[in-house]
């Protein structure tokens, strides 16, 4: 087994021919993988919807009646509605976007829009935490390399642009180390999860192959047992012609009787002892003819 973690479809590692012989197993594992990722996206979207619901209630209680309060409440209400819709309609979105990780793109876009909005409304270095969470979330949510790198690069670009435009270059330069540290941690998490999932996929695929081989061997064994017939008990045999009587009272030759009850086949020949006796009998039968004129 090689160490390269190439992928099948968009995220499932290709475990090699020695681990997965039938291609249908890879397809089945890939489908199950996508189903699990889709459920994870659904849970994340719904939990983010819950978060923005409580955030809206907190902002209503925390801030006084100002235009800023109305703006923040409307922002959290909009995010809550969008994440709830994404969570409840995750399966239609998956069919529409044609790939499960494209749904992850949608969730990242919603979170990025929220981060840019907060930088614009409440400028400050603390807003960088939203973009850091997006980086960390992408490391967990995306198994495709190009999607992961695209999200990381887009997040860094949006964060740099938003901070440069609304807070100034000084604040942005002060948070460069934080952004780069977050990027390195995200890459480390992504590599670790990918390798772990690769090993798990190899083990699961091997288990599937072993189960399939075991099922095939059991089926062959059952078929062989059905064809095995044992001769038991007393077998009525004629002492003169050596025929055998079956259960229906029919007398059969020994060959036919055994052939019907086993896989045995008969090949007829003359043994040396019988050959000598037959040869002597032939000589005796021919000897009177030689004495006639």
C-alpha atoms as a PDB file:
ATOM      1  CA  UNK A   1       0.000   0.000   0.000  1.00  0.00           C
ATOM      2  CA  UNK A   2       1.413   3.328  -1.009  1.00  0.00           C
ATOM      3  CA  UNK A   3       1.426   6.388   1.169  1.00  0.00           C
ATOM      4  CA  UNK A   4      -0.063   8.739  -1.443  1.00  0.00           C
ATOM      5  CA  UNK A   5      -3.571   9.797  -0.523  1.00  0.00           C
ATOM      6  CA  UNK A   6      -5.162  10.257  -3.916  1.00  0.00           C
ATOM      7  CA  UNK A   7      -8.887  10.773  -3.837  1.00  0.00           C
ATOM      8  CA  UNK A   8     -11.869   9.184  -5.488  1.00  0.00           C
ATOM      9  CA  UNK A   9     -14.568  11.596  -6.620  1.00  0.00           C
ATOM     10  CA  UNK A  10     -14.026  14.629  -4.350  1.00  0.00           C
ATOM     11  CA  UNK A  11     -12.806  13.501  -0.972  1.00  0.00           C
ATOM     12  CA  UNK A  12     -12.616   9.760  -0.509  1.00  0.00           C
ATOM     13  CA  UNK A  13      -9.080   8.351  -0.524  1.00  0.00           C
ATOM     14  CA  UNK A  14      -8.240   5.764  -3.176  1.00  0.00           C
ATOM     15  CA  UNK A  15      -6.953   2.852  -1.127  1.00  0.00           C
ATOM     16  CA  UNK A  16      -5.413   0.878  -3.980  1.00  0.00           C
ATOM     17  CA  UNK A  17      -6.255  -2.333  -5.793  1.00  0.00           C
ATOM     18  CA  UNK A  18      -4.904  -4.586  -3.080  1.00  0.00           C
ATOM     19  CA  UNK A  19      -7.350  -3.093  -0.575  1.00  0.00           C
ATOM     20  CA  UNK A  20     -10.407  -2.651  -2.771  1.00  0.00           C
ATOM     21  CA  UNK A  21     -10.780  -5.144  -5.540  1.00  0.00           C
ATOM     22  CA  UNK A  22     -14.378  -4.486  -6.662  1.00  0.00           C
ATOM     23  CA  UNK A  23     -14.881  -0.824  -7.775  1.00  0.00           C
ATOM     24  CA  UNK A  24     -18.464  -0.938  -6.498  1.00  0.00           C
ATOM     25  CA  UNK A  25     -17.101  -0.894  -2.933  1.00  0.00           C
ATOM     26  CA  UNK A  26     -15.278   2.401  -3.511  1.00  0.00           C
ATOM     27  CA  UNK A  27     -18.450   3.873  -4.972  1.00  0.00           C
ATOM     28  CA  UNK A  28     -20.500   2.697  -2.003  1.00  0.00           C
ATOM     29  CA  UNK A  29     -18.050   4.056   0.570  1.00  0.00           C
ATOM     30  CA  UNK A  30     -17.912   7.355  -1.328  1.00  0.00           C
ATOM     31  CA  UNK A  31     -21.705   7.671  -1.221  1.00  0.00           C
ATOM     32  CA  UNK A  32     -21.729   7.003   2.510  1.00  0.00           C
ATOM     33  CA  UNK A  33     -18.938   9.554   2.941  1.00  0.00           C
ATOM     34  CA  UNK A  34     -20.933  12.248   1.146  1.00  0.00           C
ATOM     35  CA  UNK A  35     -23.993  11.443   3.247  1.00  0.00           C
ATOM     36  CA  UNK A  36     -22.020  11.893   6.475  1.00  0.00           C
ATOM     37  CA  UNK A  37     -20.499  15.185   5.260  1.00  0.00           C
ATOM     38  CA  UNK A  38     -23.947  16.438   4.275  1.00  0.00           C
ATOM     39  CA  UNK A  39     -25.286  15.633   7.735  1.00  0.00           C
ATOM     40  CA  UNK A  40     -22.348  17.483   9.288  1.00  0.00           C
ATOM     41  CA  UNK A  41     -23.046  20.554   7.140  1.00  0.00           C
ATOM     42  CA  UNK A  42     -26.698  20.384   8.141  1.00  0.00           C
ATOM     43  CA  UNK A  43     -25.804  20.286  11.846  1.00  0.00           C
ATOM     44  CA  UNK A  44     -23.338  23.179  11.485  1.00  0.00           C
ATOM     45  CA  UNK A  45     -25.866  25.332   9.622  1.00  0.00           C
ATOM     46  CA  UNK A  46     -28.595  24.696  12.186  1.00  0.00           C
ATOM     47  CA  UNK A  47     -26.271  25.364  15.125  1.00  0.00           C
ATOM     48  CA  UNK A  48     -25.156  28.630  13.523  1.00  0.00           C
ATOM     49  CA  UNK A  49     -28.809  29.503  13.107  1.00  0.00           C
ATOM     50  CA  UNK A  50     -29.308  28.866  16.838  1.00  0.00           C
ATOM     51  CA  UNK A  51     -26.257  31.000  17.589  1.00  0.00           C
ATOM     52  CA  UNK A  52     -27.555  33.985  15.635  1.00  0.00           C
ATOM     53  CA  UNK A  53     -30.970  33.569  17.247  1.00  0.00           C
ATOM     54  CA  UNK A  54     -29.457  33.930  20.725  1.00  0.00           C
ATOM     55  CA  UNK A  55     -27.177  36.689  19.433  1.00  0.00           C
ATOM     56  CA  UNK A  56     -30.226  38.610  18.243  1.00  0.00           C
ATOM     57  CA  UNK A  57     -31.886  38.269  21.634  1.00  0.00           C
ATOM     58  CA  UNK A  58     -28.667  39.348  23.370  1.00  0.00           C
ATOM     59  CA  UNK A  59     -28.316  42.414  21.136  1.00  0.00           C
ATOM     60  CA  UNK A  60     -31.921  43.378  21.787  1.00  0.00           C
ATOM     61  CA  UNK A  61     -31.206  43.250  25.511  1.00  0.00           C
ATOM     62  CA  UNK A  62     -27.660  44.637  25.439  1.00  0.00           C
ATOM     63  CA  UNK A  63     -27.797  47.699  23.176  1.00  0.00           C
ATOM     64  CA  UNK A  64     -29.910  50.803  23.613  1.00  0.00           C
ATOM     65  CA  UNK A  65     -32.311  51.965  20.915  1.00  0.00           C
ATOM     66  CA  UNK A  66     -29.868  53.365  18.371  1.00  0.00           C
ATOM     67  CA  UNK A  67     -29.366  52.966  14.628  1.00  0.00           C
ATOM     68  CA  UNK A  68     -26.412  50.696  15.426  1.00  0.00           C
ATOM     69  CA  UNK A  69     -28.667  48.403  17.452  1.00  0.00           C
ATOM     70  CA  UNK A  70     -31.168  48.136  14.625  1.00  0.00           C
ATOM     71  CA  UNK A  71     -28.384  47.398  12.161  1.00  0.00           C
ATOM     72  CA  UNK A  72     -26.853  44.674  14.312  1.00  0.00           C
ATOM     73  CA  UNK A  73     -30.228  43.092  15.052  1.00  0.00           C
ATOM     74  CA  UNK A  74     -31.146  43.060  11.370  1.00  0.00           C
ATOM     75  CA  UNK A  75     -27.744  41.562  10.541  1.00  0.00           C
ATOM     76  CA  UNK A  76     -28.100  38.735  13.058  1.00  0.00           C
ATOM     77  CA  UNK A  77     -31.706  38.111  11.978  1.00  0.00           C
ATOM     78  CA  UNK A  78     -30.623  37.874   8.347  1.00  0.00           C
ATOM     79  CA  UNK A  79     -27.777  35.474   9.187  1.00  0.00           C
ATOM     80  CA  UNK A  80     -30.109  33.404  11.371  1.00  0.00           C
ATOM     81  CA  UNK A  81     -32.642  33.090   8.542  1.00  0.00           C
ATOM     82  CA  UNK A  82     -29.998  32.216   5.968  1.00  0.00           C
ATOM     83  CA  UNK A  83     -28.361  29.524   8.101  1.00  0.00           C
ATOM     84  CA  UNK A  84     -31.706  28.019   9.084  1.00  0.00           C
ATOM     85  CA  UNK A  85     -32.727  27.875   5.430  1.00  0.00           C
ATOM     86  CA  UNK A  86     -29.395  26.292   4.505  1.00  0.00           C
ATOM     87  CA  UNK A  87     -29.799  23.709   7.261  1.00  0.00           C
ATOM     88  CA  UNK A  88     -33.408  22.748   6.550  1.00  0.00           C
ATOM     89  CA  UNK A  89     -32.950  22.674   2.775  1.00  0.00           C
ATOM     90  CA  UNK A  90     -29.480  21.126   2.732  1.00  0.00           C
ATOM     91  CA  UNK A  91     -30.443  18.167   0.526  1.00  0.00           C
ATOM     92  CA  UNK A  92     -32.129  20.222  -2.224  1.00  0.00           C
ATOM     93  CA  UNK A  93     -29.107  22.541  -2.146  1.00  0.00           C
ATOM     94  CA  UNK A  94     -26.805  19.556  -2.564  1.00  0.00           C
ATOM     95  CA  UNK A  95     -28.742  18.397  -5.630  1.00  0.00           C
ATOM     96  CA  UNK A  96     -28.748  21.936  -7.016  1.00  0.00           C
ATOM     97  CA  UNK A  97     -25.022  22.530  -6.464  1.00  0.00           C
ATOM     98  CA  UNK A  98     -24.139  18.964  -7.616  1.00  0.00           C
ATOM     99  CA  UNK A  99     -21.423  18.423  -5.028  1.00  0.00           C
ATOM    100  CA  UNK A 100     -21.523  18.171  -1.279  1.00  0.00           C
ATOM    101  CA  UNK A 101     -18.501  20.448  -0.745  1.00  0.00           C
ATOM    102  CA  UNK A 102     -20.128  23.168  -2.844  1.00  0.00           C
ATOM    103  CA  UNK A 103     -22.650  23.372  -0.012  1.00  0.00           C
ATOM    104  CA  UNK A 104     -19.665  24.066   2.226  1.00  0.00           C
ATOM    105  CA  UNK A 105     -18.748  26.932  -0.092  1.00  0.00           C
ATOM    106  CA  UNK A 106     -22.204  28.403   0.505  1.00  0.00           C
ATOM    107  CA  UNK A 107     -21.799  28.245   4.282  1.00  0.00           C
ATOM    108  CA  UNK A 108     -18.338  29.833   4.034  1.00  0.00           C
ATOM    109  CA  UNK A 109     -19.771  32.620   1.886  1.00  0.00           C
ATOM    110  CA  UNK A 110     -22.442  33.366   4.490  1.00  0.00           C
ATOM    111  CA  UNK A 111     -19.881  33.416   7.297  1.00  0.00           C
ATOM    112  CA  UNK A 112     -17.507  35.627   5.266  1.00  0.00           C
ATOM    113  CA  UNK A 113     -20.290  38.100   4.532  1.00  0.00           C
ATOM    114  CA  UNK A 114     -21.034  38.277   8.240  1.00  0.00           C
ATOM    115  CA  UNK A 115     -17.346  38.914   8.998  1.00  0.00           C
ATOM    116  CA  UNK A 116     -17.074  41.732   6.448  1.00  0.00           C
ATOM    117  CA  UNK A 117     -20.269  43.299   7.780  1.00  0.00           C
ATOM    118  CA  UNK A 118     -18.965  43.280  11.356  1.00  0.00           C
ATOM    119  CA  UNK A 119     -15.675  44.878  10.280  1.00  0.00           C
ATOM    120  CA  UNK A 120     -17.636  47.608   8.497  1.00  0.00           C
ATOM    121  CA  UNK A 121     -20.085  48.263  11.355  1.00  0.00           C
ATOM    122  CA  UNK A 122     -17.830  47.613  14.359  1.00  0.00           C
ATOM    123  CA  UNK A 123     -14.274  48.178  13.099  1.00  0.00           C
ATOM    124  CA  UNK A 124     -11.611  46.749  15.344  1.00  0.00           C
ATOM    125  CA  UNK A 125      -8.989  44.039  15.647  1.00  0.00           C
ATOM    126  CA  UNK A 126     -11.428  41.792  17.530  1.00  0.00           C
ATOM    127  CA  UNK A 127     -13.359  41.135  14.297  1.00  0.00           C
ATOM    128  CA  UNK A 128     -10.461  39.116  12.963  1.00  0.00           C
ATOM    129  CA  UNK A 129     -11.726  36.203  15.064  1.00  0.00           C
ATOM    130  CA  UNK A 130     -14.562  35.633  12.555  1.00  0.00           C
ATOM    131  CA  UNK A 131     -12.097  35.061   9.727  1.00  0.00           C
ATOM    132  CA  UNK A 132      -9.955  32.813  11.920  1.00  0.00           C
ATOM    133  CA  UNK A 133     -13.001  30.660  12.649  1.00  0.00           C
ATOM    134  CA  UNK A 134     -13.674  30.420   8.919  1.00  0.00           C
ATOM    135  CA  UNK A 135     -10.101  29.226   8.359  1.00  0.00           C
ATOM    136  CA  UNK A 136     -10.398  26.588  11.079  1.00  0.00           C
ATOM    137  CA  UNK A 137     -13.810  25.495   9.857  1.00  0.00           C
ATOM    138  CA  UNK A 138     -12.519  25.059   6.311  1.00  0.00           C
ATOM    139  CA  UNK A 139      -9.805  22.711   7.587  1.00  0.00           C
ATOM    140  CA  UNK A 140     -12.503  20.458   9.023  1.00  0.00           C
ATOM    141  CA  UNK A 141     -15.175  20.860   6.344  1.00  0.00           C
ATOM    142  CA  UNK A 142     -13.197  20.448   3.103  1.00  0.00           C
ATOM    143  CA  UNK A 143     -11.310  17.322   2.066  1.00  0.00           C
ATOM    144  CA  UNK A 144     -10.568  18.505  -1.462  1.00  0.00           C
ATOM    145  CA  UNK A 145      -7.174  20.227  -1.611  1.00  0.00           C
ATOM    146  CA  UNK A 146      -8.088  22.887  -4.153  1.00  0.00           C
ATOM    147  CA  UNK A 147     -11.278  23.818  -2.321  1.00  0.00           C
ATOM    148  CA  UNK A 148      -9.426  24.105   0.970  1.00  0.00           C
ATOM    149  CA  UNK A 149      -6.714  26.317  -0.551  1.00  0.00           C
ATOM    150  CA  UNK A 150      -9.315  28.420  -2.376  1.00  0.00           C
ATOM    151  CA  UNK A 151     -11.206  29.074   0.861  1.00  0.00           C
ATOM    152  CA  UNK A 152      -8.014  29.932   2.726  1.00  0.00           C
ATOM    153  CA  UNK A 153      -6.831  32.337   0.052  1.00  0.00           C
ATOM    154  CA  UNK A 154     -10.255  33.956  -0.332  1.00  0.00           C
ATOM    155  CA  UNK A 155     -10.617  34.359   3.418  1.00  0.00           C
ATOM    156  CA  UNK A 156      -7.223  36.013   3.737  1.00  0.00           C
ATOM    157  CA  UNK A 157      -8.001  38.322   0.822  1.00  0.00           C
ATOM    158  CA  UNK A 158     -11.423  39.338   2.141  1.00  0.00           C
ATOM    159  CA  UNK A 159     -10.043  39.870   5.636  1.00  0.00           C
ATOM    160  CA  UNK A 160      -7.140  41.994   4.380  1.00  0.00           C
ATOM    161  CA  UNK A 161      -9.408  44.031   2.121  1.00  0.00           C
ATOM    162  CA  UNK A 162     -12.035  44.634   4.802  1.00  0.00           C
ATOM    163  CA  UNK A 163      -9.513  45.667   7.457  1.00  0.00           C
ATOM    164  CA  UNK A 164      -7.575  47.851   5.046  1.00  0.00           C
ATOM    165  CA  UNK A 165     -10.731  49.622   3.890  1.00  0.00           C
ATOM    166  CA  UNK A 166     -12.518  50.129   7.231  1.00  0.00           C
ATOM    167  CA  UNK A 167      -9.810  50.111   9.907  1.00  0.00           C
ATOM    168  CA  UNK A 168      -6.671  51.237   8.158  1.00  0.00           C
ATOM    169  CA  UNK A 169      -3.353  49.701   7.230  1.00  0.00           C
ATOM    170  CA  UNK A 170      -1.908  49.923  10.748  1.00  0.00           C
ATOM    171  CA  UNK A 171      -4.528  47.570  12.255  1.00  0.00           C
ATOM    172  CA  UNK A 172      -4.102  45.159   9.357  1.00  0.00           C
ATOM    173  CA  UNK A 173      -0.319  45.009   9.725  1.00  0.00           C
ATOM    174  CA  UNK A 174      -0.708  44.401  13.434  1.00  0.00           C
ATOM    175  CA  UNK A 175      -2.835  41.304  12.760  1.00  0.00           C
ATOM    176  CA  UNK A 176      -0.688  39.763  10.014  1.00  0.00           C
ATOM    177  CA  UNK A 177       1.014  37.381  12.435  1.00  0.00           C
ATOM    178  CA  UNK A 178      -2.379  36.301  13.817  1.00  0.00           C
ATOM    179  CA  UNK A 179      -3.724  35.568  10.330  1.00  0.00           C
ATOM    180  CA  UNK A 180      -0.622  33.636   9.266  1.00  0.00           C
ATOM    181  CA  UNK A 181      -0.638  31.629  12.512  1.00  0.00           C
ATOM    182  CA  UNK A 182      -4.270  30.770  11.929  1.00  0.00           C
ATOM    183  CA  UNK A 183      -3.428  29.700   8.382  1.00  0.00           C
ATOM    184  CA  UNK A 184      -0.624  27.382   9.537  1.00  0.00           C
ATOM    185  CA  UNK A 185      -2.811  25.813  12.210  1.00  0.00           C
ATOM    186  CA  UNK A 186      -5.582  25.291   9.640  1.00  0.00           C
ATOM    187  CA  UNK A 187      -3.176  23.569   7.250  1.00  0.00           C
ATOM    188  CA  UNK A 188      -1.923  21.313  10.055  1.00  0.00           C
ATOM    189  CA  UNK A 189      -5.478  20.368  11.008  1.00  0.00           C
ATOM    190  CA  UNK A 190      -6.384  19.678   7.370  1.00  0.00           C
ATOM    191  CA  UNK A 191      -3.357  17.433   6.818  1.00  0.00           C
ATOM    192  CA  UNK A 192      -3.967  15.525  10.054  1.00  0.00           C
ATOM    193  CA  UNK A 193      -7.669  14.916   9.334  1.00  0.00           C
ATOM    194  CA  UNK A 194      -6.966  13.864   5.738  1.00  0.00           C
ATOM    195  CA  UNK A 195      -4.359  11.329   6.801  1.00  0.00           C
ATOM    196  CA  UNK A 196      -6.581   9.993   9.558  1.00  0.00           C
ATOM    197  CA  UNK A 197      -9.536   9.624   7.192  1.00  0.00           C
ATOM    198  CA  UNK A 198      -7.300   7.956   4.633  1.00  0.00           C
ATOM    199  CA  UNK A 199      -6.256   5.309   7.141  1.00  0.00           C
ATOM    200  CA  UNK A 200      -9.845   4.794   8.248  1.00  0.00           C
ATOM    201  CA  UNK A 201     -10.988   4.449   4.643  1.00  0.00           C
ATOM    202  CA  UNK A 202      -8.302   1.831   3.993  1.00  0.00           C
ATOM    203  CA  UNK A 203      -9.347  -0.175   7.044  1.00  0.00           C
ATOM    204  CA  UNK A 204     -13.026   0.072   6.166  1.00  0.00           C
ATOM    205  CA  UNK A 205     -12.459  -0.923   2.554  1.00  0.00           C
ATOM    206  CA  UNK A 206     -10.391  -3.934   3.617  1.00  0.00           C
ATOM    207  CA  UNK A 207     -13.131  -4.965   6.037  1.00  0.00           C
ATOM    208  CA  UNK A 208     -15.652  -4.779   3.207  1.00  0.00           C
ATOM    209  CA  UNK A 209     -13.474  -6.934   0.975  1.00  0.00           C
ATOM    210  CA  UNK A 210     -12.996  -9.499   3.738  1.00  0.00           C
ATOM    211  CA  UNK A 211     -16.727  -9.600   4.436  1.00  0.00           C
ATOM    212  CA  UNK A 212     -17.452 -10.073   0.759  1.00  0.00           C
ATOM    213  CA  UNK A 213     -14.913 -12.882   0.484  1.00  0.00           C
ATOM    214  CA  UNK A 214     -16.324 -14.507   3.613  1.00  0.00           C
ATOM    215  CA  UNK A 215     -19.849 -14.356   2.204  1.00  0.00           C
ATOM    216  CA  UNK A 216     -18.677 -15.888  -1.064  1.00  0.00           C
ATOM    217  CA  UNK A 217     -16.848 -18.702   0.726  1.00  0.00           C
ATOM    218  CA  UNK A 218     -19.895 -19.435   2.893  1.00  0.00           C
ATOM    219  CA  UNK A 219     -22.096 -19.576  -0.197  1.00  0.00           C
ATOM    220  CA  UNK A 220     -19.664 -21.968  -1.883  1.00  0.00           C
ATOM    221  CA  UNK A 221     -19.535 -24.110   1.251  1.00  0.00           C
ATOM    222  CA  UNK A 222     -23.324 -24.289   1.468  1.00  0.00           C
ATOM    223  CA  UNK A 223     -23.481 -25.276  -2.193  1.00  0.00           C
ATOM    224  CA  UNK A 224     -20.860 -27.956  -1.670  1.00  0.00           C
ATOM    225  CA  UNK A 225     -22.682 -29.358   1.353  1.00  0.00           C
ATOM    226  CA  UNK A 226     -25.887 -29.589  -0.653  1.00  0.00           C
ATOM    227  CA  UNK A 227     -24.093 -31.720  -3.245  1.00  0.00           C
ATOM    228  CA  UNK A 228     -22.526 -34.065  -0.694  1.00  0.00           C
ATOM    229  CA  UNK A 229     -24.583 -37.234  -0.166  1.00  0.00           C
ATOM    230  CA  UNK A 230     -23.419 -39.918   2.225  1.00  0.00           C
ATOM    231  CA  UNK A 231     -24.402 -43.593   1.910  1.00  0.00           C
ATOM    232  CA  UNK A 232     -25.560 -44.859   5.268  1.00  0.00           C
ATOM    233  CA  UNK A 233     -27.260 -47.920   6.690  1.00  0.00           C
ATOM    234  CA  UNK A 234     -27.828 -51.335   5.091  1.00  0.00           C
ATOM    235  CA  UNK A 235     -27.761 -51.566   1.294  1.00  0.00           C
ATOM    236  CA  UNK A 236     -29.791 -54.534  -0.049  1.00  0.00           C
ATOM    237  CA  UNK A 237     -27.643 -56.294  -2.657  1.00  0.00           C
ATOM    238  CA  UNK A 238     -28.429 -59.333  -4.815  1.00  0.00           C
ATOM    239  CA  UNK A 239     -25.958 -62.068  -4.001  1.00  0.00           C
ATOM    240  CA  UNK A 240     -26.023 -63.369  -7.548  1.00  0.00           C
ATOM    241  CA  UNK A 241     -26.089 -60.373  -9.927  1.00  0.00           C
ATOM    242  CA  UNK A 242     -24.837 -57.827  -7.366  1.00  0.00           C
ATOM    243  CA  UNK A 243     -27.609 -55.327  -8.161  1.00  0.00           C
ATOM    244  CA  UNK A 244     -28.751 -52.942  -5.439  1.00  0.00           C
ATOM    245  CA  UNK A 245     -32.341 -52.246  -4.398  1.00  0.00           C
ATOM    246  CA  UNK A 246     -33.180 -48.568  -3.851  1.00  0.00           C
ATOM    247  CA  UNK A 247     -35.839 -47.002  -1.614  1.00  0.00           C
ATOM    248  CA  UNK A 248     -38.516 -47.469  -4.269  1.00  0.00           C
ATOM    249  CA  UNK A 249     -37.888 -51.196  -4.656  1.00  0.00           C
ATOM    250  CA  UNK A 250     -36.113 -50.892  -7.985  1.00  0.00           C
ATOM    251  CA  UNK A 251     -33.045 -53.022  -8.580  1.00  0.00           C
ATOM    252  CA  UNK A 252     -30.151 -51.091 -10.085  1.00  0.00           C
ATOM    253  CA  UNK A 253     -26.604 -51.738 -11.049  1.00  0.00           C
ATOM    254  CA  UNK A 254     -24.117 -50.715  -8.392  1.00  0.00           C
ATOM    255  CA  UNK A 255     -22.701 -48.029 -10.679  1.00  0.00           C
ATOM    256  CA  UNK A 256     -26.075 -46.361 -11.236  1.00  0.00           C
ATOM    257  CA  UNK A 257     -26.981 -46.582  -7.547  1.00  0.00           C
ATOM    258  CA  UNK A 258     -23.765 -44.877  -6.378  1.00  0.00           C
ATOM    259  CA  UNK A 259     -23.765 -42.342  -9.212  1.00  0.00           C
ATOM    260  CA  UNK A 260     -27.230 -41.066  -8.212  1.00  0.00           C
ATOM    261  CA  UNK A 261     -26.160 -40.580  -4.615  1.00  0.00           C
ATOM    262  CA  UNK A 262     -22.680 -39.101  -4.976  1.00  0.00           C
ATOM    263  CA  UNK A 263     -20.315 -37.318  -7.321  1.00  0.00           C
ATOM    264  CA  UNK A 264     -18.523 -40.561  -8.142  1.00  0.00           C
ATOM    265  CA  UNK A 265     -18.031 -41.677 -11.749  1.00  0.00           C
ATOM    266  CA  UNK A 266     -17.139 -45.186 -12.938  1.00  0.00           C
ATOM    267  CA  UNK A 267     -14.582 -46.296 -15.506  1.00  0.00           C
ATOM    268  CA  UNK A 268     -14.704 -49.990 -16.443  1.00  0.00           C
ATOM    269  CA  UNK A 269     -11.658 -52.177 -17.044  1.00  0.00           C
ATOM    270  CA  UNK A 270     -10.378 -55.699 -16.274  1.00  0.00           C
ATOM    271  CA  UNK A 271      -8.053 -56.299 -13.350  1.00  0.00           C
ATOM    272  CA  UNK A 272      -4.997 -58.574 -13.814  1.00  0.00           C
ATOM    273  CA  UNK A 273      -6.514 -61.454 -11.807  1.00  0.00           C
ATOM    274  CA  UNK A 274      -9.747 -61.483 -13.798  1.00  0.00           C
ATOM    275  CA  UNK A 275      -7.762 -61.053 -17.001  1.00  0.00           C
ATOM    276  CA  UNK A 276      -5.817 -64.251 -16.233  1.00  0.00           C
ATOM    277  CA  UNK A 277      -9.006 -66.161 -15.465  1.00  0.00           C
ATOM    278  CA  UNK A 278     -10.712 -64.906 -18.598  1.00  0.00           C
ATOM    279  CA  UNK A 279      -7.682 -65.753 -20.699  1.00  0.00           C
ATOM    280  CA  UNK A 280      -7.631 -69.300 -19.337  1.00  0.00           C
ATOM    281  CA  UNK A 281     -11.360 -69.674 -19.942  1.00  0.00           C
ATOM    282  CA  UNK A 282     -10.936 -68.543 -23.526  1.00  0.00           C
ATOM    283  CA  UNK A 283      -8.185 -71.107 -24.053  1.00  0.00           C
ATOM    284  CA  UNK A 284     -10.388 -73.877 -22.664  1.00  0.00           C
ATOM    285  CA  UNK A 285     -13.243 -72.868 -24.912  1.00  0.00           C
ATOM    286  CA  UNK A 286     -11.012 -72.886 -27.965  1.00  0.00           C
ATOM    287  CA  UNK A 287      -9.112 -76.110 -27.200  1.00  0.00           C
ATOM    288  CA  UNK A 288     -11.881 -78.565 -28.359  1.00  0.00           C
ATOM    289  CA  UNK A 289     -11.991 -76.861 -31.739  1.00  0.00           C
ATOM    290  CA  UNK A 290      -8.308 -77.592 -32.328  1.00  0.00           C
ATOM    291  CA  UNK A 291      -8.827 -81.377 -32.005  1.00  0.00           C
ATOM    292  CA  UNK A 292     -11.541 -81.559 -34.728  1.00  0.00           C
ATOM    293  CA  UNK A 293     -10.499 -82.611 -38.314  1.00  0.00           C
END
